[in-house]
């Protein structure tokens, strides 16, 4: 892994997202109540994994399939291959984005380092 990418990812984990004062901050267990809204969700990351198709998933609250929220990083995004992503498991993490429904479960698509903060 190149040094610039590693520095980029470390700063993503340490820096907070740029949030507006009126943006809701919620617990991952309340995510279903904020569909289609841009929010910051906080919760315990119970597991992190990369699928055979290259997408990365961070499940909150409970392990799949009982998670309260999933943060997913599309394949090809630099964050997918970063070993620091695995370090989120077991930590309280904030992710920011629009909550969408996928197979009956709330999720936030993560495409930027500004969307993830490890507490």
C-alpha atoms as a PDB file:
ATOM      1  CA  UNK A   1       0.000   0.000   0.000  1.00  0.00           C
ATOM      2  CA  UNK A   2       1.383   3.395  -0.858  1.00  0.00           C
ATOM      3  CA  UNK A   3       2.276   5.785   1.941  1.00  0.00           C
ATOM      4  CA  UNK A   4      -0.049   8.530   0.652  1.00  0.00           C
ATOM      5  CA  UNK A   5      -3.059   6.198   0.812  1.00  0.00           C
ATOM      6  CA  UNK A   6      -2.163   5.108   4.329  1.00  0.00           C
ATOM      7  CA  UNK A   7      -1.870   8.732   5.480  1.00  0.00           C
ATOM      8  CA  UNK A   8      -5.194   9.514   3.774  1.00  0.00           C
ATOM      9  CA  UNK A   9      -6.959   6.693   5.590  1.00  0.00           C
ATOM     10  CA  UNK A  10      -5.472   7.444   8.995  1.00  0.00           C
ATOM     11  CA  UNK A  11      -6.572  11.046   8.686  1.00  0.00           C
ATOM     12  CA  UNK A  12     -10.052   9.823   7.681  1.00  0.00           C
ATOM     13  CA  UNK A  13     -10.350   7.869  10.897  1.00  0.00           C
ATOM     14  CA  UNK A  14      -9.071  10.717  13.065  1.00  0.00           C
ATOM     15  CA  UNK A  15     -10.826  13.646  11.433  1.00  0.00           C
ATOM     16  CA  UNK A  16     -14.479  14.367  12.004  1.00  0.00           C
ATOM     17  CA  UNK A  17     -16.948  14.820   9.171  1.00  0.00           C
ATOM     18  CA  UNK A  18     -18.020  18.302   8.250  1.00  0.00           C
ATOM     19  CA  UNK A  19     -21.477  18.451   9.813  1.00  0.00           C
ATOM     20  CA  UNK A  20     -24.026  21.210   9.852  1.00  0.00           C
ATOM     21  CA  UNK A  21     -25.394  22.288  13.202  1.00  0.00           C
ATOM     22  CA  UNK A  22     -28.930  21.124  12.318  1.00  0.00           C
ATOM     23  CA  UNK A  23     -27.958  17.665  11.035  1.00  0.00           C
ATOM     24  CA  UNK A  24     -29.525  14.943  13.211  1.00  0.00           C
ATOM     25  CA  UNK A  25     -27.175  12.695  15.194  1.00  0.00           C
ATOM     26  CA  UNK A  26     -28.789   9.391  16.046  1.00  0.00           C
ATOM     27  CA  UNK A  27     -28.089   5.940  17.465  1.00  0.00           C
ATOM     28  CA  UNK A  28     -27.851   3.108  14.940  1.00  0.00           C
ATOM     29  CA  UNK A  29     -30.925   1.465  16.511  1.00  0.00           C
ATOM     30  CA  UNK A  30     -33.008   4.482  15.378  1.00  0.00           C
ATOM     31  CA  UNK A  31     -31.818   4.428  11.759  1.00  0.00           C
ATOM     32  CA  UNK A  32     -35.126   3.124  10.345  1.00  0.00           C
ATOM     33  CA  UNK A  33     -36.813   6.296  11.608  1.00  0.00           C
ATOM     34  CA  UNK A  34     -34.592   8.511   9.422  1.00  0.00           C
ATOM     35  CA  UNK A  35     -34.991   6.989   5.963  1.00  0.00           C
ATOM     36  CA  UNK A  36     -33.883   9.230   3.061  1.00  0.00           C
ATOM     37  CA  UNK A  37     -32.381  11.738   5.516  1.00  0.00           C
ATOM     38  CA  UNK A  38     -28.778  12.879   5.812  1.00  0.00           C
ATOM     39  CA  UNK A  39     -27.748  12.031   9.376  1.00  0.00           C
ATOM     40  CA  UNK A  40     -24.792  11.106  11.543  1.00  0.00           C
ATOM     41  CA  UNK A  41     -25.292   7.677  13.065  1.00  0.00           C
ATOM     42  CA  UNK A  42     -23.327   6.451  16.049  1.00  0.00           C
ATOM     43  CA  UNK A  43     -23.033   2.845  17.152  1.00  0.00           C
ATOM     44  CA  UNK A  44     -20.901  -0.163  17.937  1.00  0.00           C
ATOM     45  CA  UNK A  45     -19.389  -1.826  14.862  1.00  0.00           C
ATOM     46  CA  UNK A  46     -19.966  -5.537  15.434  1.00  0.00           C
ATOM     47  CA  UNK A  47     -18.212  -6.807  12.334  1.00  0.00           C
ATOM     48  CA  UNK A  48     -16.391  -5.619   9.235  1.00  0.00           C
ATOM     49  CA  UNK A  49     -15.919  -7.709   6.113  1.00  0.00           C
ATOM     50  CA  UNK A  50     -15.200  -7.485   2.408  1.00  0.00           C
ATOM     51  CA  UNK A  51     -17.438  -9.498   0.081  1.00  0.00           C
ATOM     52  CA  UNK A  52     -16.229 -11.642  -2.801  1.00  0.00           C
ATOM     53  CA  UNK A  53     -17.326  -8.787  -5.096  1.00  0.00           C
ATOM     54  CA  UNK A  54     -15.041  -6.325  -3.284  1.00  0.00           C
ATOM     55  CA  UNK A  55     -17.623  -4.298  -1.346  1.00  0.00           C
ATOM     56  CA  UNK A  56     -16.823  -3.609   2.321  1.00  0.00           C
ATOM     57  CA  UNK A  57     -19.487  -3.720   5.018  1.00  0.00           C
ATOM     58  CA  UNK A  58     -19.486  -2.434   8.595  1.00  0.00           C
ATOM     59  CA  UNK A  59     -22.427  -3.758  10.577  1.00  0.00           C
ATOM     60  CA  UNK A  60     -23.682  -1.837  13.595  1.00  0.00           C
ATOM     61  CA  UNK A  61     -25.540  -3.037  16.674  1.00  0.00           C
ATOM     62  CA  UNK A  62     -25.599  -6.758  15.883  1.00  0.00           C
ATOM     63  CA  UNK A  63     -23.852  -9.047  13.423  1.00  0.00           C
ATOM     64  CA  UNK A  64     -25.431  -9.772  10.039  1.00  0.00           C
ATOM     65  CA  UNK A  65     -28.302 -10.519   9.481  1.00  0.00           C
ATOM     66  CA  UNK A  66     -29.546  -8.769  12.643  1.00  0.00           C
ATOM     67  CA  UNK A  67     -27.615  -5.516  12.237  1.00  0.00           C
ATOM     68  CA  UNK A  68     -29.339  -2.211  13.026  1.00  0.00           C
ATOM     69  CA  UNK A  69     -27.419  -0.400  10.268  1.00  0.00           C
ATOM     70  CA  UNK A  70     -24.825  -1.191   7.629  1.00  0.00           C
ATOM     71  CA  UNK A  71     -22.176   1.165   6.335  1.00  0.00           C
ATOM     72  CA  UNK A  72     -21.079  -0.079   2.916  1.00  0.00           C
ATOM     73  CA  UNK A  73     -18.104   0.963   0.872  1.00  0.00           C
ATOM     74  CA  UNK A  74     -18.340   0.178  -2.849  1.00  0.00           C
ATOM     75  CA  UNK A  75     -15.720  -2.002  -4.499  1.00  0.00           C
ATOM     76  CA  UNK A  76     -12.840  -0.002  -5.949  1.00  0.00           C
ATOM     77  CA  UNK A  77     -13.000   2.677  -3.252  1.00  0.00           C
ATOM     78  CA  UNK A  78      -9.569   3.088  -1.578  1.00  0.00           C
ATOM     79  CA  UNK A  79     -11.075   2.552   1.877  1.00  0.00           C
ATOM     80  CA  UNK A  80     -12.087  -1.034   0.965  1.00  0.00           C
ATOM     81  CA  UNK A  81      -8.531  -2.318   0.899  1.00  0.00           C
ATOM     82  CA  UNK A  82      -7.255  -0.419   3.928  1.00  0.00           C
ATOM     83  CA  UNK A  83      -6.336  -2.624   6.901  1.00  0.00           C
ATOM     84  CA  UNK A  84      -7.467   0.168   9.235  1.00  0.00           C
ATOM     85  CA  UNK A  85     -11.040  -0.596   8.203  1.00  0.00           C
ATOM     86  CA  UNK A  86     -10.809  -3.856  10.163  1.00  0.00           C
ATOM     87  CA  UNK A  87      -9.757  -1.864  13.237  1.00  0.00           C
ATOM     88  CA  UNK A  88     -13.247  -0.335  13.395  1.00  0.00           C
ATOM     89  CA  UNK A  89     -14.652  -3.661  14.582  1.00  0.00           C
ATOM     90  CA  UNK A  90     -15.523  -3.497  18.273  1.00  0.00           C
ATOM     91  CA  UNK A  91     -15.365   0.303  18.372  1.00  0.00           C
ATOM     92  CA  UNK A  92     -18.019   2.971  18.549  1.00  0.00           C
ATOM     93  CA  UNK A  93     -18.051   4.676  15.167  1.00  0.00           C
ATOM     94  CA  UNK A  94     -19.950   7.570  13.604  1.00  0.00           C
ATOM     95  CA  UNK A  95     -20.890   7.500   9.939  1.00  0.00           C
ATOM     96  CA  UNK A  96     -22.598  10.300   8.067  1.00  0.00           C
ATOM     97  CA  UNK A  97     -24.782  10.014   4.993  1.00  0.00           C
ATOM     98  CA  UNK A  98     -28.243   9.410   3.625  1.00  0.00           C
ATOM     99  CA  UNK A  99     -29.983   6.352   5.035  1.00  0.00           C
ATOM    100  CA  UNK A 100     -31.412   4.064   2.367  1.00  0.00           C
ATOM    101  CA  UNK A 101     -33.223   0.750   2.703  1.00  0.00           C
ATOM    102  CA  UNK A 102     -31.598  -2.389   1.265  1.00  0.00           C
ATOM    103  CA  UNK A 103     -33.336  -5.747   1.689  1.00  0.00           C
ATOM    104  CA  UNK A 104     -35.314  -4.348   4.614  1.00  0.00           C
ATOM    105  CA  UNK A 105     -32.265  -2.997   6.472  1.00  0.00           C
ATOM    106  CA  UNK A 106     -31.016   0.604   6.733  1.00  0.00           C
ATOM    107  CA  UNK A 107     -27.646   1.394   5.190  1.00  0.00           C
ATOM    108  CA  UNK A 108     -25.396   4.335   4.452  1.00  0.00           C
ATOM    109  CA  UNK A 109     -23.131   4.346   1.394  1.00  0.00           C
ATOM    110  CA  UNK A 110     -19.620   5.485   2.319  1.00  0.00           C
ATOM    111  CA  UNK A 111     -17.633   7.078  -0.480  1.00  0.00           C
ATOM    112  CA  UNK A 112     -15.524   9.626   1.400  1.00  0.00           C
ATOM    113  CA  UNK A 113     -13.140   9.609   4.336  1.00  0.00           C
ATOM    114  CA  UNK A 114     -15.149  12.476   5.817  1.00  0.00           C
ATOM    115  CA  UNK A 115     -18.062  10.111   6.471  1.00  0.00           C
ATOM    116  CA  UNK A 116     -16.296   7.896   9.064  1.00  0.00           C
ATOM    117  CA  UNK A 117     -15.145   8.816  12.561  1.00  0.00           C
ATOM    118  CA  UNK A 118     -13.919   6.302  15.134  1.00  0.00           C
ATOM    119  CA  UNK A 119     -14.730   7.515  18.645  1.00  0.00           C
END
